[in-house]
Amino acid sequence: MRFQEVTDNRYDRILTQLCDMIINCDGRPHSMVGAAVVDPKGRSVLKLGTPVSQDPELWCHAERTAIDAYQNQYGRLPQNCVIVTTLSPCSDQRMHLRYSESCTDLLTELGIKRVYCGYMDPSQDNDHGAFKMRLTQNAKLQTLCQRIGDAVLSRDAVHLHDQGVAEDQKDIKWIKPNFD
């Protein structure tokens, strides 16, 4: 099955869960991006970005946090995992608050071939030659991810509820997919 043929509903459901986690978190920038690892068996691990314990000014991006959590729970990443993320993977090597290499480099190093995202970060190079990226086609979910992404990118990540983002989430609908 090709990536384009996979029903978006499953990944949209995960994006919705990630947005819910973000809306209900503490609102600090590191926890304003969510990512999940979905393996070929359908197992998924959803995580937000986290501060690095040695230096709370640094943060571990959500993609790395989800991958680390998956590997702790299930072991090595199998082939054909999909990364689902609210904001496209970072590619900028000069991000001063990020722990470790860019998410694009991490995903490339791990052999990830498919990424499904809610919003393409306009401040990053979104030409990810090593993996295929697909943007959700759910307009309301795309708008929600954009509003959350713009909040963290502008570092104005205070009180998503005050910005009306939480209310937008209630309107997101999808058709229940058939997993048979």
Protein backbone atom coordinates (compact mmCIF):
# COMPACT_ATOMS: atom_id res chain seq x y z
CA MET A 1 0.00 0.00 0.00
CA ARG A 2 1.43 3.38 -0.99
CA PHE A 3 1.47 6.26 1.49
CA GLN A 4 -1.08 8.25 -0.53
CA GLU A 5 -3.50 5.33 -0.36
CA VAL A 6 -3.47 5.14 3.44
CA THR A 7 -6.66 6.56 4.88
CA ASP A 8 -5.87 9.92 6.40
CA ASN A 9 -8.51 9.38 9.08
CA ARG A 10 -6.22 7.27 11.26
CA TYR A 11 -3.47 9.89 11.20
CA ASP A 12 -5.97 12.73 11.60
CA ARG A 13 -7.27 11.04 14.73
CA ILE A 14 -3.71 10.95 16.08
CA LEU A 15 -3.18 14.61 15.12
CA THR A 16 -6.38 15.47 17.00
CA GLN A 17 -5.12 13.61 20.08
CA LEU A 18 -1.79 15.46 19.85
CA CYS A 19 -3.60 18.82 19.60
CA ASP A 20 -5.66 17.88 22.64
CA MET A 21 -2.48 17.05 24.57
CA ILE A 22 -0.98 20.42 23.59
CA ILE A 23 -4.11 22.38 24.53
CA ASN A 24 -4.19 20.68 27.93
CA CYS A 25 -0.47 21.08 28.69
CA ASP A 26 1.34 23.84 30.54
CA GLY A 27 1.68 26.11 27.49
CA ARG A 28 5.47 26.33 27.55
CA PRO A 29 6.99 26.37 24.04
CA HIS A 30 8.69 22.98 24.36
CA SER A 31 5.33 21.28 24.91
CA MET A 32 3.56 23.06 22.04
CA VAL A 33 4.52 20.51 19.38
CA GLY A 34 3.32 16.91 19.40
CA ALA A 35 4.54 13.86 17.53
CA ALA A 36 3.71 10.18 17.34
CA VAL A 37 5.36 7.05 16.05
CA VAL A 38 2.94 4.68 14.33
CA ASP A 39 4.37 1.27 13.52
CA PRO A 40 3.15 -1.21 10.87
CA LYS A 41 1.31 -3.20 13.58
CA GLY A 42 -0.77 -0.12 14.40
CA ARG A 43 0.93 0.57 17.74
CA SER A 44 1.48 4.24 18.43
CA VAL A 45 3.27 6.35 20.98
CA LEU A 46 2.25 10.02 21.29
CA LYS A 47 4.47 12.60 22.98
CA LEU A 48 5.04 16.33 23.30
CA GLY A 49 8.39 18.07 23.29
CA THR A 50 10.06 18.10 26.70
CA PRO A 51 12.69 20.18 28.48
CA VAL A 52 16.11 18.59 28.85
CA SER A 53 16.66 17.78 32.53
CA GLN A 54 20.29 18.94 32.53
CA ASP A 55 19.37 22.32 31.05
CA PRO A 56 15.71 23.40 31.19
CA GLU A 57 16.42 26.11 28.59
CA LEU A 58 17.06 23.35 26.03
CA TRP A 59 14.24 21.23 24.75
CA CYS A 60 13.94 17.86 23.16
CA HIS A 61 11.68 18.10 20.13
CA ALA A 62 8.53 16.02 20.01
CA GLU A 63 9.78 13.73 17.24
CA ARG A 64 12.81 12.66 19.30
CA THR A 65 10.69 12.33 22.46
CA ALA A 66 8.17 10.08 20.66
CA ILE A 67 10.91 7.97 19.05
CA ASP A 68 12.75 7.55 22.36
CA ALA A 69 9.49 6.59 24.12
CA TYR A 70 8.62 4.10 21.36
CA GLN A 71 12.05 2.48 21.58
CA ASN A 72 11.82 2.29 25.38
CA GLN A 73 8.42 0.61 25.13
CA TYR A 74 8.77 -1.62 22.04
CA GLY A 75 12.46 -1.71 21.12
CA ARG A 76 14.04 -0.75 17.84
CA LEU A 77 11.89 1.09 15.27
CA PRO A 78 10.70 -1.35 12.61
CA GLN A 79 10.74 -0.43 8.93
CA ASN A 80 7.74 1.45 7.57
CA CYS A 81 6.96 3.45 10.71
CA VAL A 82 5.13 6.72 10.11
CA ILE A 83 5.84 9.85 12.12
CA VAL A 84 2.76 11.99 12.75
CA THR A 85 3.52 15.53 13.90
CA THR A 86 1.58 18.72 14.46
CA LEU A 87 4.42 20.80 12.94
CA SER A 88 6.72 19.67 10.14
CA PRO A 89 10.13 18.40 11.29
CA CYS A 90 12.76 21.07 11.88
CA SER A 91 15.66 21.19 9.47
CA ASP A 92 17.56 24.26 10.66
CA GLN A 93 20.94 23.36 12.13
CA ARG A 94 21.17 26.68 13.99
CA MET A 95 18.25 26.26 16.40
CA HIS A 96 19.86 27.33 19.66
CA LEU A 97 17.27 25.86 22.04
CA ARG A 98 17.08 22.39 20.50
CA TYR A 99 18.73 19.38 22.09
CA SER A 100 20.74 17.35 19.55
CA GLU A 101 20.52 17.33 15.74
CA SER A 102 17.60 18.52 13.63
CA CYS A 103 14.52 16.33 13.47
CA THR A 104 15.02 15.98 9.71
CA ASP A 105 18.51 14.59 10.32
CA LEU A 106 17.19 12.26 13.04
CA LEU A 107 14.40 10.88 10.85
CA THR A 108 16.79 10.45 7.92
CA GLU A 109 19.33 8.68 10.14
CA LEU A 110 16.65 6.28 11.41
CA GLY A 111 15.40 5.50 7.90
CA ILE A 112 11.94 7.02 8.36
CA LYS A 113 10.31 7.27 4.94
CA ARG A 114 6.91 8.84 5.75
CA VAL A 115 5.82 11.83 7.82
CA TYR A 116 2.24 13.04 8.19
CA CYS A 117 1.87 16.55 9.55
CA GLY A 118 -0.72 19.12 10.47
CA TYR A 119 1.19 22.25 9.47
CA MET A 120 4.28 23.00 7.39
CA ASP A 121 6.63 25.30 9.30
CA PRO A 122 7.20 28.29 6.98
CA SER A 123 10.48 29.13 8.74
CA GLN A 124 12.09 25.80 7.79
CA ASP A 125 13.24 24.16 4.58
CA ASN A 126 10.40 21.72 3.97
CA ASP A 127 12.17 19.90 1.14
CA HIS A 128 12.81 16.63 2.94
CA GLY A 129 14.35 14.48 0.22
CA ALA A 130 14.94 11.47 2.47
CA PHE A 131 11.29 11.05 3.44
CA LYS A 132 7.91 11.80 1.98
CA MET A 133 5.81 14.34 3.84
CA ARG A 134 2.04 14.53 3.58
CA LEU A 135 -0.07 17.36 4.97
CA THR A 136 -3.48 16.57 6.46
CA GLN A 137 -6.33 17.30 4.09
CA ASN A 138 -8.71 18.06 6.97
CA ALA A 139 -9.03 21.86 6.70
CA LYS A 140 -10.16 22.40 10.31
CA LEU A 141 -7.38 20.23 11.68
CA GLN A 142 -4.86 21.99 9.45
CA THR A 143 -6.07 25.36 10.79
CA LEU A 144 -5.82 24.15 14.39
CA CYS A 145 -2.27 22.86 13.85
CA GLN A 146 -1.36 26.14 12.13
CA ARG A 147 -2.68 28.22 15.03
CA ILE A 148 -0.78 26.11 17.55
CA GLY A 149 2.33 26.12 15.35
CA ASP A 150 2.20 29.87 14.83
CA ALA A 151 1.88 30.35 18.60
CA VAL A 152 5.04 28.36 19.31
CA LEU A 153 6.94 29.80 16.35
CA SER A 154 6.17 33.32 17.52
CA ARG A 155 7.05 32.26 21.10
CA ASP A 156 3.66 33.61 22.09
CA ALA A 157 2.53 30.30 23.48
CA VAL A 158 0.47 31.57 26.40
CA HIS A 159 -3.09 30.51 27.00
CA LEU A 160 -4.30 28.69 23.92
CA HIS A 161 -7.77 28.78 25.40
CA ASP A 162 -7.67 32.59 25.29
CA GLN A 163 -6.82 32.42 21.57
CA GLY A 164 -9.85 30.26 20.82
CA VAL A 165 -7.75 27.28 19.73
CA ALA A 166 -9.42 24.89 22.15
CA GLU A 167 -12.86 25.80 20.82
CA ASP A 168 -11.74 25.07 17.23
CA GLN A 169 -10.86 21.52 18.19
CA LYS A 170 -14.48 20.68 19.04
CA ASP A 171 -15.45 21.17 15.39
CA ILE A 172 -13.00 18.63 13.96
CA LYS A 173 -14.76 15.59 12.56
CA TRP A 174 -13.59 12.51 10.71
CA ILE A 175 -15.21 9.41 9.34
CA LYS A 176 -14.52 6.33 11.43
CA PRO A 177 -12.10 4.27 9.32
CA ASN A 178 -12.58 0.59 8.64
CA PHE A 179 -9.52 -1.28 9.94
CA ASP A 180 -10.57 -4.69 8.57
